Amino acid sequence: MGLNVVFMGTPLFAKHMLEGLYSSEHRVLAVVTVADKPAGRGQKIQESEVKRLALEKNIPLLQPQSLKDPQFLSELSAFRADLFVVVAFRMLPEIVWKMPPKGTINLHASLLPNYRGAAPIHWAIINGEKKTGLTTFFINERIDCGSVLLQKELAIENHWTTGMLHDAMLAPGSQLILDTLNAIEHGTAMAQPQEVVDLLTEAPKLTKENTFMDFSRSGEELERMVRGLNPFPTAYCYLEDIKNQHNLLCKIFESKFLKGVSALSEPLSATKDGINFPCQDGYLCVQKLQLEGKKALDFKAFLAGNDPRNYRLVQK
């Protein structure tokens, strides 16, 4: 048996969900993903992870510039899918999500209604959550607000980065999609409106502003921020090169918090465990970093060619 579905998604996370769906009894009639675009210093044309898998599996592929384009809508409708499955894609216009007779479902990487938004995995780590999860729900006119179908809770380990949590979600996320499709197919799905909660934690898009490290904050907050933005897009700050009197962007990949007394105006310092960056209640001991125009280095390699006392924090 199985359902006839069209899959919509873009990044690596969505690719893994498509792999699970493709290997199941459900039939993937087509894939919709973003149009190719130039990226990086060389501005080479970059294909989405989902497109690469669709080409590998010979699945019909649609890459519309606009989701309201009449030709795209005609092609999409022609597949006569029972259901659309969406994972890490764009906001769909009503004419799209209302098209299939059994609706359009989305997999979201949080326990809705908490962490609605573009970056739920990152913000769960940044905010120090002990648990998170995955949710399937029917898409409606409001982002991440549709009726919930199934949820799966996941514990977050203290040392995890966003990359680690992302990987831990792959297998249960894939299974949750299949469980949801099976329930819809057999008529046992019980969609429940999202509960009304006064205080919700959101998961907004990551920007230059909210990934900047403010060292007047506590060391624990900064350490979580480093893990929450690893491996992408990476937490960053600015350092003053005291000797040459100019500022440099500095990305921080790995760190730990050391409680103590410090002053934000003091230079960086070297220890046997890393490079100490002063913060509100001690030091953020950095084990891996990257100065503007240089390669990412562990702290030992950095110290071999740099004196940390030549740098101090620049606060906005």
Protein backbone atom coordinates (compact mmCIF):
# COMPACT_ATOMS: atom_id res chain seq x y z
CA MET A 1 0.00 0.00 0.00
CA GLY A 2 1.55 3.32 1.07
CA LEU A 3 0.82 6.93 0.17
CA ASN A 4 1.86 8.92 -2.89
CA VAL A 5 3.84 11.90 -1.61
CA VAL A 6 5.77 14.92 -2.82
CA PHE A 7 8.73 15.85 -0.59
CA MET A 8 9.85 19.45 -0.03
CA GLY A 9 13.14 20.33 1.64
CA THR A 10 16.63 21.77 1.25
CA PRO A 11 19.48 21.05 3.75
CA LEU A 12 21.27 17.94 5.02
CA PHE A 13 18.64 17.36 7.73
CA ALA A 14 15.92 17.19 5.05
CA LYS A 15 18.06 14.90 2.88
CA HIS A 16 18.15 12.29 5.66
CA MET A 17 14.38 12.46 6.02
CA LEU A 18 13.98 11.98 2.26
CA GLU A 19 16.26 8.94 2.38
CA GLY A 20 14.04 7.29 4.99
CA LEU A 21 10.90 8.11 3.07
CA TYR A 22 12.35 6.84 -0.22
CA SER A 23 13.23 3.49 1.42
CA SER A 24 9.73 3.02 2.86
CA GLU A 25 6.53 1.60 1.37
CA HIS A 26 5.39 5.15 0.58
CA ARG A 27 6.11 6.44 -2.93
CA VAL A 28 8.00 9.70 -3.49
CA LEU A 29 6.53 11.05 -6.72
CA ALA A 30 8.63 14.21 -6.84
CA VAL A 31 10.94 16.47 -4.84
CA VAL A 32 10.69 20.25 -4.53
CA THR A 33 13.80 22.15 -3.42
CA VAL A 34 15.40 25.59 -3.80
CA ALA A 35 16.82 26.81 -7.08
CA ASP A 36 20.60 26.46 -7.51
CA LYS A 37 22.54 29.53 -6.46
CA PRO A 38 26.15 30.76 -6.39
CA ALA A 39 27.93 30.46 -3.03
CA GLY A 40 31.37 30.85 -1.49
CA ARG A 41 34.34 32.93 -2.61
CA GLY A 42 34.36 31.44 -6.09
CA GLN A 43 30.61 31.93 -6.45
CA LYS A 44 30.29 28.37 -7.73
CA ILE A 45 26.76 27.16 -8.38
CA GLN A 46 25.63 25.17 -5.35
CA GLU A 47 22.97 22.47 -5.35
CA SER A 48 20.94 21.64 -2.25
CA GLU A 49 21.55 18.36 -0.40
CA VAL A 50 18.00 17.32 -1.23
CA LYS A 51 18.55 17.94 -4.96
CA ARG A 52 21.68 15.76 -4.95
CA LEU A 53 19.75 12.85 -3.45
CA ALA A 54 16.81 13.32 -5.84
CA LEU A 55 19.18 13.16 -8.81
CA GLU A 56 20.92 10.09 -7.37
CA LYS A 57 17.57 8.29 -6.97
CA ASN A 58 16.14 9.58 -10.27
CA ILE A 59 13.21 11.27 -8.51
CA PRO A 60 11.47 13.99 -10.59
CA LEU A 61 12.71 17.37 -9.38
CA LEU A 62 11.10 20.83 -9.23
CA GLN A 63 13.11 23.97 -8.39
CA PRO A 64 10.74 26.94 -8.67
CA GLN A 65 11.93 30.50 -8.20
CA SER A 66 8.45 31.29 -6.92
CA LEU A 67 6.06 28.89 -5.20
CA LYS A 68 3.18 30.81 -6.78
CA ASP A 69 4.44 30.42 -10.34
CA PRO A 70 1.56 29.07 -12.48
CA GLN A 71 3.79 26.60 -14.33
CA PHE A 72 5.15 25.20 -11.05
CA LEU A 73 1.62 24.88 -9.62
CA SER A 74 0.47 23.07 -12.74
CA GLU A 75 3.42 20.64 -12.63
CA LEU A 76 2.96 20.05 -8.90
CA SER A 77 -0.75 19.39 -9.27
CA ALA A 78 -0.14 16.93 -12.10
CA PHE A 79 1.56 14.48 -9.71
CA ARG A 80 -1.79 14.03 -7.90
CA ALA A 81 -0.05 13.32 -4.59
CA ASP A 82 -2.05 12.18 -1.57
CA LEU A 83 0.13 14.25 0.74
CA PHE A 84 3.03 16.71 0.80
CA VAL A 85 5.87 16.20 3.32
CA VAL A 86 7.90 19.30 4.23
CA VAL A 87 11.20 19.37 6.14
CA ALA A 88 13.34 22.52 6.51
CA PHE A 89 11.91 24.37 3.51
CA ARG A 90 10.25 27.71 2.82
CA MET A 91 6.90 29.00 4.00
CA LEU A 92 4.30 27.58 1.60
CA PRO A 93 1.49 29.66 0.11
CA GLU A 94 -2.02 28.41 0.85
CA ILE A 95 -2.54 27.34 -2.76
CA VAL A 96 0.30 24.81 -2.27
CA TRP A 97 -0.33 23.40 1.20
CA LYS A 98 -4.05 22.99 0.49
CA MET A 99 -3.45 21.13 -2.78
CA PRO A 100 -3.17 17.46 -1.67
CA PRO A 101 -6.36 15.76 -0.42
CA LYS A 102 -4.72 14.42 2.76
CA GLY A 103 -3.01 17.71 3.59
CA THR A 104 0.59 18.86 3.99
CA ILE A 105 2.67 17.80 6.99
CA ASN A 106 5.86 19.30 8.37
CA LEU A 107 8.58 17.83 10.58
CA HIS A 108 9.87 20.43 13.05
CA ALA A 109 12.93 19.92 15.28
CA SER A 110 11.33 20.89 18.60
CA LEU A 111 8.45 20.02 20.87
CA LEU A 112 5.91 22.49 19.55
CA PRO A 113 4.60 24.98 20.50
CA ASN A 114 8.04 25.83 21.94
CA TYR A 115 10.86 26.81 19.60
CA ARG A 116 8.79 27.84 16.62
CA GLY A 117 11.07 29.36 14.02
CA ALA A 118 14.05 28.78 11.75
CA ALA A 119 16.69 27.49 14.18
CA PRO A 120 15.15 25.25 16.88
CA ILE A 121 18.18 22.98 17.28
CA HIS A 122 20.61 25.88 17.76
CA TRP A 123 18.44 27.71 20.28
CA ALA A 124 17.76 24.61 22.38
CA ILE A 125 21.54 24.29 22.95
CA ILE A 126 22.13 28.04 23.38
CA ASN A 127 19.36 28.24 26.00
CA GLY A 128 20.65 25.25 27.96
CA GLU A 129 17.61 23.01 27.50
CA LYS A 130 17.83 19.53 29.01
CA LYS A 131 15.36 18.09 26.54
CA THR A 132 13.89 18.83 23.15
CA GLY A 133 12.25 16.72 20.49
CA LEU A 134 10.55 16.44 17.13
CA THR A 135 7.02 17.22 16.02
CA THR A 136 4.96 16.39 12.96
CA PHE A 137 2.02 18.68 12.28
CA PHE A 138 -0.36 19.80 9.55
CA ILE A 139 0.73 23.06 7.93
CA ASN A 140 -1.71 25.97 8.10
CA GLU A 141 -1.52 29.71 7.40
CA ARG A 142 0.70 30.45 10.45
CA ILE A 143 4.32 29.28 10.67
CA ASP A 144 4.75 26.20 12.91
CA CYS A 145 1.26 26.65 14.38
CA GLY A 146 -0.72 23.79 12.77
CA SER A 147 -2.36 20.87 14.55
CA VAL A 148 0.14 18.41 16.05
CA LEU A 149 0.16 14.81 14.87
CA LEU A 150 3.03 13.04 16.67
CA GLN A 151 5.93 14.06 18.93
CA LYS A 152 9.16 12.39 20.06
CA GLU A 153 11.10 13.67 23.08
CA LEU A 154 14.92 13.66 23.16
CA ALA A 155 17.32 14.29 26.04
CA ILE A 156 20.17 16.76 25.44
CA GLU A 157 23.58 15.83 26.86
CA ASN A 158 25.50 18.59 28.67
CA HIS A 159 28.43 18.62 26.23
CA TRP A 160 26.44 18.46 23.00
CA THR A 161 26.90 20.89 20.14
CA THR A 162 24.20 21.72 17.62
CA GLY A 163 25.91 19.29 15.24
CA MET A 164 25.60 16.48 17.79
CA LEU A 165 21.93 17.20 18.50
CA HIS A 166 21.25 17.44 14.76
CA ASP A 167 22.74 13.96 14.25
CA ALA A 168 20.84 12.52 17.23
CA MET A 169 17.58 13.68 15.62
CA LEU A 170 18.09 11.98 12.24
CA ALA A 171 16.92 8.44 13.02
CA PRO A 172 13.96 9.37 15.27
CA GLY A 173 12.94 12.15 12.86
CA SER A 174 12.83 9.75 9.94
CA GLN A 175 10.82 7.25 11.96
CA LEU A 176 8.40 9.93 13.15
CA ILE A 177 7.61 10.88 9.55
CA LEU A 178 6.91 7.24 8.65
CA ASP A 179 4.77 6.72 11.77
CA THR A 180 2.81 9.86 10.86
CA LEU A 181 2.25 8.78 7.26
CA ASN A 182 1.19 5.30 8.38
CA ALA A 183 -1.34 6.80 10.81
CA ILE A 184 -2.74 9.10 8.12
CA GLU A 185 -2.97 6.23 5.64
CA HIS A 186 -4.80 3.97 8.11
CA GLY A 187 -7.11 6.70 9.39
CA THR A 188 -5.75 6.60 12.95
CA ALA A 189 -4.05 10.03 12.98
CA MET A 190 -5.32 12.26 15.80
CA ALA A 191 -4.39 15.88 15.02
CA GLN A 192 -4.53 18.09 18.11
CA PRO A 193 -4.48 21.92 18.04
CA GLN A 194 -1.36 23.32 19.66
CA GLU A 195 -1.87 24.20 23.30
CA VAL A 196 -2.12 27.84 24.29
CA VAL A 197 0.98 28.84 26.27
CA ASP A 198 1.55 32.32 27.70
CA LEU A 199 5.36 32.26 27.57
CA LEU A 200 6.83 30.59 24.52
CA THR A 201 10.52 30.27 23.68
CA GLU A 202 11.06 31.16 20.04
CA ALA A 203 13.78 29.99 17.62
CA PRO A 204 14.44 32.99 15.36
CA LYS A 205 16.69 32.98 12.33
CA LEU A 206 20.40 33.26 13.16
CA THR A 207 21.85 36.65 12.25
CA LYS A 208 25.05 38.63 12.60
CA GLU A 209 23.50 40.31 15.63
CA ASN A 210 22.41 37.25 17.63
CA THR A 211 25.57 35.22 16.98
CA PHE A 212 27.89 37.95 18.32
CA MET A 213 29.41 37.09 21.71
CA ASP A 214 28.83 39.69 24.40
CA PHE A 215 31.50 38.95 27.01
CA SER A 216 29.71 40.98 29.65
CA ARG A 217 27.44 37.93 29.93
CA SER A 218 28.13 34.91 32.14
CA GLY A 219 30.66 32.28 31.12
CA GLU A 220 28.02 29.55 31.15
CA GLU A 221 25.88 31.49 28.66
CA LEU A 222 28.87 32.08 26.41
CA GLU A 223 29.97 28.43 26.53
CA ARG A 224 26.46 27.31 25.54
CA MET A 225 26.49 29.86 22.73
CA VAL A 226 29.72 28.40 21.35
CA ARG A 227 28.25 24.88 21.39
CA GLY A 228 24.93 26.08 20.02
CA LEU A 229 26.57 27.70 16.99
CA ASN A 230 28.94 24.81 16.30
CA PRO A 231 29.48 23.75 13.53
CA PHE A 232 27.52 26.52 11.83
CA PRO A 233 27.36 29.50 11.68
CA THR A 234 29.90 29.79 14.57
CA ALA A 235 29.95 32.24 17.47
CA TYR A 236 32.19 35.26 16.92
CA CYS A 237 33.63 38.33 18.60
CA TYR A 238 36.12 41.08 17.75
CA LEU A 239 39.65 41.34 19.12
CA GLU A 240 41.83 44.41 19.20
CA ASP A 241 45.35 43.73 17.93
CA ILE A 242 47.03 45.97 20.50
CA LYS A 243 50.39 45.95 18.77
CA ASN A 244 49.12 46.85 15.29
CA GLN A 245 46.14 48.89 16.47
CA HIS A 246 43.36 47.32 14.44
CA ASN A 247 40.43 45.00 15.10
CA LEU A 248 40.02 41.42 13.92
CA LEU A 249 37.00 39.16 13.72
CA CYS A 250 37.52 36.01 15.80
CA LYS A 251 35.42 32.84 15.48
CA ILE A 252 35.25 30.51 18.47
CA PHE A 253 34.54 26.81 17.93
CA GLU A 254 35.30 25.13 21.26
CA SER A 255 35.50 26.41 24.82
CA LYS A 256 34.84 25.80 28.51
CA PHE A 257 33.96 28.11 31.38
CA LEU A 258 36.37 28.81 34.24
CA LYS A 259 34.84 30.65 37.19
CA GLY A 260 36.91 33.47 38.61
CA VAL A 261 37.51 37.22 38.75
CA SER A 262 38.39 39.11 35.58
CA ALA A 263 38.17 42.47 33.85
CA LEU A 264 36.83 42.75 30.32
CA SER A 265 39.58 45.26 29.47
CA GLU A 266 42.44 42.87 30.28
CA PRO A 267 44.36 41.14 27.46
CA LEU A 268 43.83 37.49 26.62
CA SER A 269 46.08 35.03 28.43
CA ALA A 270 47.44 31.54 27.84
CA THR A 271 46.92 28.52 30.13
CA LYS A 272 47.66 24.82 29.75
CA ASP A 273 43.98 24.26 28.89
CA GLY A 274 43.40 27.04 26.39
CA ILE A 275 43.29 30.79 25.83
CA ASN A 276 41.40 32.75 28.49
CA PHE A 277 38.89 35.35 27.31
CA PRO A 278 37.61 37.47 30.25
CA CYS A 279 33.86 37.47 30.87
CA GLN A 280 31.35 38.56 33.52
CA ASP A 281 32.18 35.91 36.12
CA GLY A 282 35.55 34.50 35.09
CA TYR A 283 37.01 33.30 31.83
CA LEU A 284 35.89 31.53 28.71
CA CYS A 285 38.77 29.16 28.09
CA VAL A 286 38.94 28.74 24.30
CA GLN A 287 40.36 25.56 22.78
CA LYS A 288 39.73 26.24 19.08
CA LEU A 289 39.50 29.58 17.30
CA GLN A 290 40.02 31.34 13.99
CA LEU A 291 41.29 34.86 13.43
CA GLU A 292 40.11 36.83 10.41
CA GLY A 293 42.00 35.76 7.27
CA LYS A 294 43.59 32.75 9.00
CA LYS A 295 42.83 29.04 9.34
CA ALA A 296 40.95 27.60 12.30
CA LEU A 297 43.48 26.37 14.88
CA ASP A 298 43.46 24.54 18.18
CA PHE A 299 44.86 26.72 20.95
CA LYS A 300 48.30 25.01 21.00
CA ALA A 301 48.86 25.69 17.31
CA PHE A 302 47.59 29.26 17.80
CA LEU A 303 49.99 29.86 20.69
CA ALA A 304 52.91 28.58 18.63
CA GLY A 305 52.59 31.62 16.37
CA ASN A 306 50.77 34.21 18.49
CA ASP A 307 51.10 35.89 21.87
CA PRO A 308 47.56 36.18 23.30
CA ARG A 309 48.68 39.17 25.40
CA ASN A 310 48.70 41.15 22.14
CA TYR A 311 44.89 40.87 21.93
CA ARG A 312 41.95 42.07 23.97
CA LEU A 313 38.20 42.03 23.51
CA VAL A 314 36.35 44.71 21.57
CA GLN A 315 32.83 45.08 22.94
CA LYS A 316 30.03 46.64 20.87
